Amino acid sequence: MKFMKRLLCLLAALALPVLSASGASAEASNNWIIPPKEPIRVFFADETEPFPKDAELLTLRVFPLQGADCMLLSFGNHTMLVDAGRDTQFDTVYKGLQSLGLSSVEYMFNTHPHSDHIGGVRPLLDAGFTFGTFMTVFPHNFIENVRDYDWFGETLRSLEKHNVPITDLKTEDKIPFGGPDITVYRIPDEYIYDRLTGNELSAVLMVRWGDCSVLLTADIEPSTDSQILLARLYDLKADILKYPHHGMSTMAADFYREVDPEYTFFTHGAGNTKEAQALLIHNGYTRMSFATWGMITMQTDGKKWIVSQEILPEKKEVADTYRFPE
């Protein structure tokens, strides 16, 4: 049975190329400004009119962390943290939440139990921050490497200590969030075998509001079991993409073409993601931002997105003078 799963995954992999910086799998372009696609749905704040005051807005905020994920989704009274960064990044996350007037969220969704995604959960709880429920797609006994620190087990014990209920999810489950549609995608059970890593088993969130969408990809890898299978099994078209694995891994070409985003953001710095930037630019995708420069805010009324970023004072010179790879 395990052999058949591996064979199916391998056959799927052989059909999909990897995105190439040389342009071998897509028409290359060295131009930073490329004629936009129609219809255009993603705008920077200085490119469009603000939303009407009575608009129902879905908001995604990306915390300014380096090589780690923490994002906040909000819509009306609904709130969800998607991952919580590292334990050492707690101050940034906690102060960011406080600046938004939050002492709790409805959902704490963990894409996978690696330290750069789950490490901040326990210190948030210890500081008095509360979650309505903790969500995971992983079995509670999941251990990727017995030699590593058991971040997942430690987090689960902390959740129990603070009386936070746990909601177990599977692929294609929906998360109630008022108007927006939030769907969980993950490699289906029939494709899972023992050697898969926590990254490959990451949960992906497709968030849709009206005609607008954003795909949050955690750390899925361009292997036979994550980007490739997900691109084949599900409708992943989205206006906005979180580049997988902080921009530190390559990209399966058909995965990116399936998503075909207007805008991509990195949960890392510009200097740490040069190769990924070059891949995007040479394949015609040119609008992107880096979380380390400051909090990124994306808002949509279901018809268009407006993207803005609060550049940190210490990052202003870098942001103003940065030259993208050619």
Protein backbone atom coordinates (compact mmCIF):
# COMPACT_ATOMS: atom_id res chain seq x y z
CA MET A 1 0.00 0.00 0.00
CA LYS A 2 2.80 2.44 0.90
CA PHE A 3 4.57 1.56 -2.34
CA MET A 4 1.46 2.45 -4.35
CA LYS A 5 1.17 5.83 -2.57
CA ARG A 6 4.78 6.64 -3.39
CA LEU A 7 4.24 5.55 -7.00
CA LEU A 8 1.18 7.76 -7.42
CA CYS A 9 3.05 10.73 -5.96
CA LEU A 10 6.05 10.08 -8.21
CA LEU A 11 3.87 9.88 -11.32
CA ALA A 12 2.29 13.21 -10.42
CA ALA A 13 5.73 14.74 -9.89
CA LEU A 14 7.06 13.67 -13.26
CA ALA A 15 4.33 15.65 -15.00
CA LEU A 16 5.23 18.99 -13.39
CA PRO A 17 8.36 21.09 -13.97
CA VAL A 18 10.06 23.26 -11.38
CA LEU A 19 10.00 27.01 -11.87
CA SER A 20 13.27 28.01 -13.48
CA ALA A 21 15.16 31.27 -13.05
CA SER A 22 16.54 30.75 -16.54
CA GLY A 23 13.03 30.82 -17.96
CA ALA A 24 13.25 27.22 -19.22
CA SER A 25 9.73 26.40 -18.03
CA ALA A 26 8.16 29.80 -18.61
CA GLU A 27 8.72 32.80 -20.85
CA ALA A 28 11.47 34.79 -19.19
CA SER A 29 11.31 38.54 -18.59
CA ASN A 30 13.88 40.87 -17.12
CA ASN A 31 11.43 43.79 -16.97
CA TRP A 32 10.25 44.91 -13.55
CA ILE A 33 7.15 46.61 -14.96
CA ILE A 34 5.06 44.13 -16.96
CA PRO A 35 1.64 44.84 -18.56
CA PRO A 36 -0.91 43.93 -15.87
CA LYS A 37 -3.45 41.14 -16.19
CA GLU A 38 -7.16 41.77 -16.45
CA PRO A 39 -9.11 42.14 -14.31
CA ILE A 40 -6.75 43.80 -11.85
CA ARG A 41 -7.79 43.13 -8.25
CA VAL A 42 -4.68 43.93 -6.20
CA PHE A 43 -3.61 47.55 -5.72
CA PHE A 44 -1.09 49.29 -3.52
CA ALA A 45 -2.61 52.02 -1.39
CA ASP A 46 -1.45 54.87 -3.65
CA GLU A 47 -2.88 53.24 -6.78
CA THR A 48 -6.60 53.29 -6.02
CA GLU A 49 -9.37 55.01 -4.09
CA PRO A 50 -9.92 53.93 -0.47
CA PHE A 51 -12.82 51.67 0.41
CA PRO A 52 -16.20 53.20 1.25
CA LYS A 53 -16.67 53.73 4.98
CA ASP A 54 -19.48 51.15 5.14
CA ALA A 55 -17.54 48.41 3.29
CA GLU A 56 -17.34 44.98 4.95
CA LEU A 57 -13.61 44.34 4.88
CA LEU A 58 -11.63 41.16 5.24
CA THR A 59 -8.18 42.06 6.59
CA LEU A 60 -4.97 40.05 6.56
CA ARG A 61 -2.01 41.36 8.55
CA VAL A 62 1.48 39.86 8.29
CA PHE A 63 3.68 40.42 11.33
CA PRO A 64 7.25 41.67 10.71
CA LEU A 65 9.11 38.44 11.48
CA GLN A 66 12.22 37.04 9.86
CA GLY A 67 11.97 33.44 8.65
CA ALA A 68 8.79 32.71 10.59
CA ASP A 69 5.02 32.95 10.10
CA CYS A 70 2.44 34.88 12.08
CA MET A 71 -0.60 36.35 10.34
CA LEU A 72 -3.89 37.74 11.59
CA LEU A 73 -7.16 37.40 9.68
CA SER A 74 -10.10 39.54 10.76
CA PHE A 75 -13.63 40.14 9.53
CA GLY A 76 -16.16 41.93 11.70
CA ASN A 77 -15.93 40.29 15.12
CA HIS A 78 -14.11 37.23 13.77
CA THR A 79 -10.36 36.86 14.32
CA MET A 80 -7.84 34.12 13.58
CA LEU A 81 -4.11 33.89 14.09
CA VAL A 82 -2.43 31.76 11.44
CA ASP A 83 0.70 30.49 13.21
CA ALA A 84 2.51 32.38 15.96
CA GLY A 85 6.17 32.70 15.01
CA ARG A 86 9.08 31.57 17.17
CA ASP A 87 9.15 31.80 20.94
CA THR A 88 12.02 34.30 20.60
CA GLN A 89 9.77 36.54 18.46
CA PHE A 90 7.05 36.72 21.10
CA ASP A 91 7.59 40.42 21.88
CA THR A 92 7.00 41.45 18.27
CA VAL A 93 3.83 39.37 17.98
CA TYR A 94 2.44 40.33 21.39
CA LYS A 95 3.07 44.05 20.94
CA GLY A 96 1.54 43.89 17.47
CA LEU A 97 -1.60 42.26 18.86
CA GLN A 98 -1.78 44.80 21.68
CA SER A 99 -1.47 47.67 19.20
CA LEU A 100 -4.60 46.30 17.50
CA GLY A 101 -6.45 46.19 20.82
CA LEU A 102 -6.53 42.40 20.97
CA SER A 103 -6.18 40.25 24.07
CA SER A 104 -7.76 37.18 22.46
CA VAL A 105 -8.63 35.65 19.09
CA GLU A 106 -11.42 33.33 18.07
CA TYR A 107 -9.09 30.81 16.41
CA MET A 108 -5.42 29.92 16.68
CA PHE A 109 -4.70 27.95 13.50
CA ASN A 110 -1.35 26.13 13.32
CA THR A 111 -0.29 25.07 9.83
CA HIS A 112 2.34 22.64 11.16
CA PRO A 113 4.18 22.16 14.45
CA HIS A 114 7.63 23.54 13.63
CA SER A 115 9.21 26.06 15.99
CA ASP A 116 8.97 28.96 13.52
CA HIS A 117 5.19 28.48 13.31
CA ILE A 118 4.13 27.17 16.71
CA GLY A 119 6.85 28.41 19.06
CA GLY A 120 4.99 31.60 19.99
CA VAL A 121 1.80 29.87 21.18
CA ARG A 122 2.97 29.01 24.68
CA PRO A 123 4.44 32.45 25.54
CA LEU A 124 1.25 34.11 24.30
CA LEU A 125 -0.81 31.92 26.62
CA ASP A 126 1.58 32.54 29.52
CA ALA A 127 1.20 36.30 28.94
CA GLY A 128 -2.58 36.03 29.33
CA PHE A 129 -3.52 36.07 25.66
CA THR A 130 -6.41 33.68 24.99
CA PHE A 131 -7.68 31.56 22.09
CA GLY A 132 -11.25 30.43 21.57
CA THR A 133 -9.87 27.21 20.10
CA PHE A 134 -6.59 25.85 18.77
CA MET A 135 -6.80 24.25 15.31
CA THR A 136 -4.51 21.61 13.83
CA VAL A 137 -4.48 19.01 11.04
CA PHE A 138 -1.78 16.95 12.77
CA PRO A 139 -2.29 13.91 15.02
CA HIS A 140 -1.50 14.86 18.60
CA ASN A 141 1.31 12.30 18.80
CA PHE A 142 3.13 13.71 15.76
CA ILE A 143 6.92 13.78 16.19
CA GLU A 144 9.03 14.40 13.13
CA ASN A 145 12.41 13.72 14.69
CA VAL A 146 12.80 12.26 18.17
CA ARG A 147 16.07 14.19 18.56
CA ASP A 148 14.33 17.53 18.12
CA TYR A 149 12.61 19.48 20.87
CA ASP A 150 8.94 18.44 21.06
CA TRP A 151 7.36 21.79 20.22
CA PHE A 152 4.00 20.23 19.45
CA GLY A 153 3.77 18.20 22.65
CA GLU A 154 4.86 21.17 24.74
CA THR A 155 2.26 23.37 23.05
CA LEU A 156 -0.52 20.83 23.56
CA ARG A 157 0.33 20.61 27.28
CA SER A 158 0.24 24.39 27.54
CA LEU A 159 -3.15 24.50 25.80
CA GLU A 160 -4.48 21.95 28.27
CA LYS A 161 -3.07 23.94 31.19
CA HIS A 162 -4.86 27.07 29.97
CA ASN A 163 -8.10 25.20 29.17
CA VAL A 164 -7.99 25.94 25.44
CA PRO A 165 -10.06 23.45 23.40
CA ILE A 166 -8.46 21.78 20.39
CA THR A 167 -10.22 21.40 17.04
CA ASP A 168 -8.88 18.70 14.72
CA LEU A 169 -9.31 19.45 11.02
CA LYS A 170 -8.79 17.60 7.75
CA THR A 171 -8.46 18.60 4.12
CA GLU A 172 -11.42 20.47 2.60
CA ASP A 173 -12.84 21.38 6.02
CA LYS A 174 -14.36 24.85 6.28
CA ILE A 175 -13.67 27.33 9.09
CA PRO A 176 -16.68 29.53 9.98
CA PHE A 177 -15.72 33.20 9.65
CA GLY A 178 -18.85 35.21 8.97
CA GLY A 179 -19.03 36.05 5.25
CA PRO A 180 -15.61 34.92 3.93
CA ASP A 181 -15.03 31.30 2.90
CA ILE A 182 -11.97 29.68 4.51
CA THR A 183 -11.04 26.20 3.29
CA VAL A 184 -8.29 23.95 4.67
CA TYR A 185 -6.23 22.04 2.11
CA ARG A 186 -3.67 19.37 2.88
CA ILE A 187 -2.30 16.24 1.26
CA PRO A 188 -5.15 13.69 1.52
CA ASP A 189 -4.60 10.73 3.83
CA GLU A 190 -4.30 8.26 0.94
CA TYR A 191 -1.11 10.04 -0.23
CA ILE A 192 0.56 10.25 3.18
CA TYR A 193 3.43 7.96 4.05
CA ASP A 194 6.01 7.80 6.84
CA ARG A 195 8.86 9.80 5.30
CA LEU A 196 6.92 13.00 4.72
CA THR A 197 8.19 15.99 6.68
CA GLY A 198 6.17 18.46 8.70
CA ASN A 199 6.70 21.00 5.90
CA GLU A 200 5.26 18.67 3.27
CA LEU A 201 2.30 17.92 5.53
CA SER A 202 1.58 21.62 6.15
CA ALA A 203 -2.00 22.81 6.02
CA VAL A 204 -2.82 25.44 3.39
CA LEU A 205 -5.61 27.99 3.80
CA MET A 206 -7.62 29.31 0.85
CA VAL A 207 -9.44 32.46 1.94
CA ARG A 208 -12.12 33.90 -0.35
CA TRP A 209 -14.32 36.97 0.07
CA GLY A 210 -16.50 37.85 -2.87
CA ASP A 211 -14.38 37.80 -6.03
CA CYS A 212 -11.10 38.12 -4.08
CA SER A 213 -8.84 35.43 -2.67
CA VAL A 214 -5.56 34.80 -0.87
CA LEU A 215 -3.66 31.51 -0.52
CA LEU A 216 -1.61 30.95 2.65
CA THR A 217 0.83 28.15 1.89
CA ALA A 218 2.77 27.55 5.14
CA ASP A 219 5.97 25.62 4.28
CA ILE A 220 4.76 23.26 1.53
CA GLU A 221 7.68 22.04 -0.55
CA PRO A 222 8.09 21.48 -4.33
CA SER A 223 8.23 17.75 -3.71
CA THR A 224 6.12 14.89 -5.01
CA ASP A 225 3.78 15.35 -2.08
CA SER A 226 2.91 18.97 -1.41
CA GLN A 227 2.90 21.72 -4.04
CA ILE A 228 2.50 19.26 -6.90
CA LEU A 229 -0.33 17.19 -5.46
CA LEU A 230 -2.20 20.19 -4.14
CA ALA A 231 -2.00 21.88 -7.55
CA ARG A 232 -3.47 18.77 -9.17
CA LEU A 233 -6.20 18.11 -6.63
CA TYR A 234 -7.62 21.54 -5.77
CA ASP A 235 -8.56 24.89 -7.28
CA LEU A 236 -5.77 27.11 -5.96
CA LYS A 237 -6.29 30.22 -8.11
CA ALA A 238 -5.73 33.27 -5.90
CA ASP A 239 -5.05 36.99 -6.22
CA ILE A 240 -2.46 36.95 -3.45
CA LEU A 241 0.05 34.26 -2.48
CA LYS A 242 2.21 33.78 0.57
CA TYR A 243 5.39 32.37 -0.94
CA PRO A 244 5.88 28.88 0.57
CA HIS A 245 8.55 28.25 3.20
CA HIS A 246 9.48 31.92 3.62
CA GLY A 247 10.95 32.04 0.13
CA MET A 248 13.79 29.68 1.04
CA SER A 249 12.72 26.84 -1.29
CA THR A 250 12.21 26.46 -5.02
CA MET A 251 8.75 26.55 -6.57
CA ALA A 252 6.96 23.95 -8.69
CA ALA A 253 6.16 25.79 -11.91
CA ASP A 254 2.67 24.37 -12.35
CA PHE A 255 1.83 25.17 -8.74
CA TYR A 256 2.64 28.83 -9.27
CA ARG A 257 0.84 28.94 -12.60
CA GLU A 258 -2.20 27.34 -10.97
CA VAL A 259 -2.27 30.06 -8.32
CA ASP A 260 -1.27 32.78 -10.85
CA PRO A 261 -1.22 35.59 -8.25
CA GLU A 262 -1.03 39.32 -8.89
CA TYR A 263 0.95 39.86 -5.68
CA THR A 264 3.24 37.71 -3.52
CA PHE A 265 4.52 38.32 -0.01
CA PHE A 266 7.43 36.75 1.84
CA THR A 267 7.54 36.01 5.55
CA HIS A 268 11.26 36.77 5.45
CA GLY A 269 13.67 39.49 4.37
CA ALA A 270 14.61 40.69 0.89
CA GLY A 271 18.21 39.64 1.38
CA ASN A 272 17.20 36.11 2.36
CA THR A 273 15.02 35.43 -0.68
CA LYS A 274 17.02 36.58 -3.71
CA GLU A 275 16.70 33.31 -5.61
CA ALA A 276 12.93 33.17 -5.09
CA GLN A 277 12.58 36.80 -6.22
CA ALA A 278 14.56 36.03 -9.36
CA LEU A 279 12.34 33.05 -10.10
CA LEU A 280 9.23 35.19 -9.88
CA ILE A 281 10.58 38.10 -11.91
CA HIS A 282 11.94 35.93 -14.70
CA ASN A 283 8.60 34.17 -14.97
CA GLY A 284 6.58 37.37 -15.13
CA TYR A 285 5.46 37.87 -11.50
CA THR A 286 6.75 41.19 -10.26
CA ARG A 287 4.73 42.61 -7.36
CA MET A 288 5.97 41.49 -3.94
CA SER A 289 6.67 42.58 -0.36
CA PHE A 290 8.89 41.40 2.51
CA ALA A 291 7.56 41.08 6.05
CA THR A 292 10.81 42.11 7.73
CA TRP A 293 10.39 45.65 6.38
CA GLY A 294 7.28 46.14 8.53
CA MET A 295 3.71 44.98 9.09
CA ILE A 296 1.96 44.20 5.78
CA THR A 297 -1.79 44.86 5.66
CA MET A 298 -4.07 43.51 2.93
CA GLN A 299 -7.76 44.44 2.86
CA THR A 300 -10.57 43.49 0.51
CA ASP A 301 -14.24 44.33 0.14
CA GLY A 302 -14.68 41.31 -2.10
CA LYS A 303 -14.09 43.35 -5.26
CA LYS A 304 -10.49 44.54 -4.92
CA TRP A 305 -7.50 44.33 -2.58
CA ILE A 306 -5.59 47.26 -1.15
CA VAL A 307 -2.08 46.45 0.11
CA SER A 308 -0.08 48.70 2.43
CA GLN A 309 3.02 48.34 4.58
CA GLU A 310 4.18 50.22 7.66
CA ILE A 311 7.91 50.44 6.94
CA LEU A 312 9.91 50.23 10.16
CA PRO A 313 12.22 53.24 10.74
CA GLU A 314 15.30 51.02 10.72
CA LYS A 315 14.22 49.47 7.39
CA LYS A 316 13.34 52.67 5.54
CA GLU A 317 16.72 53.12 3.84
CA VAL A 318 16.79 49.48 2.77
CA ALA A 319 13.24 49.69 1.40
CA ASP A 320 13.95 52.94 -0.45
CA THR A 321 17.17 51.75 -2.09
CA TYR A 322 16.55 48.03 -2.61
CA ARG A 323 17.30 46.72 -6.10
CA PHE A 324 15.42 43.59 -7.16
CA PRO A 325 17.36 40.78 -8.83
CA GLU A 326 17.63 40.96 -12.61
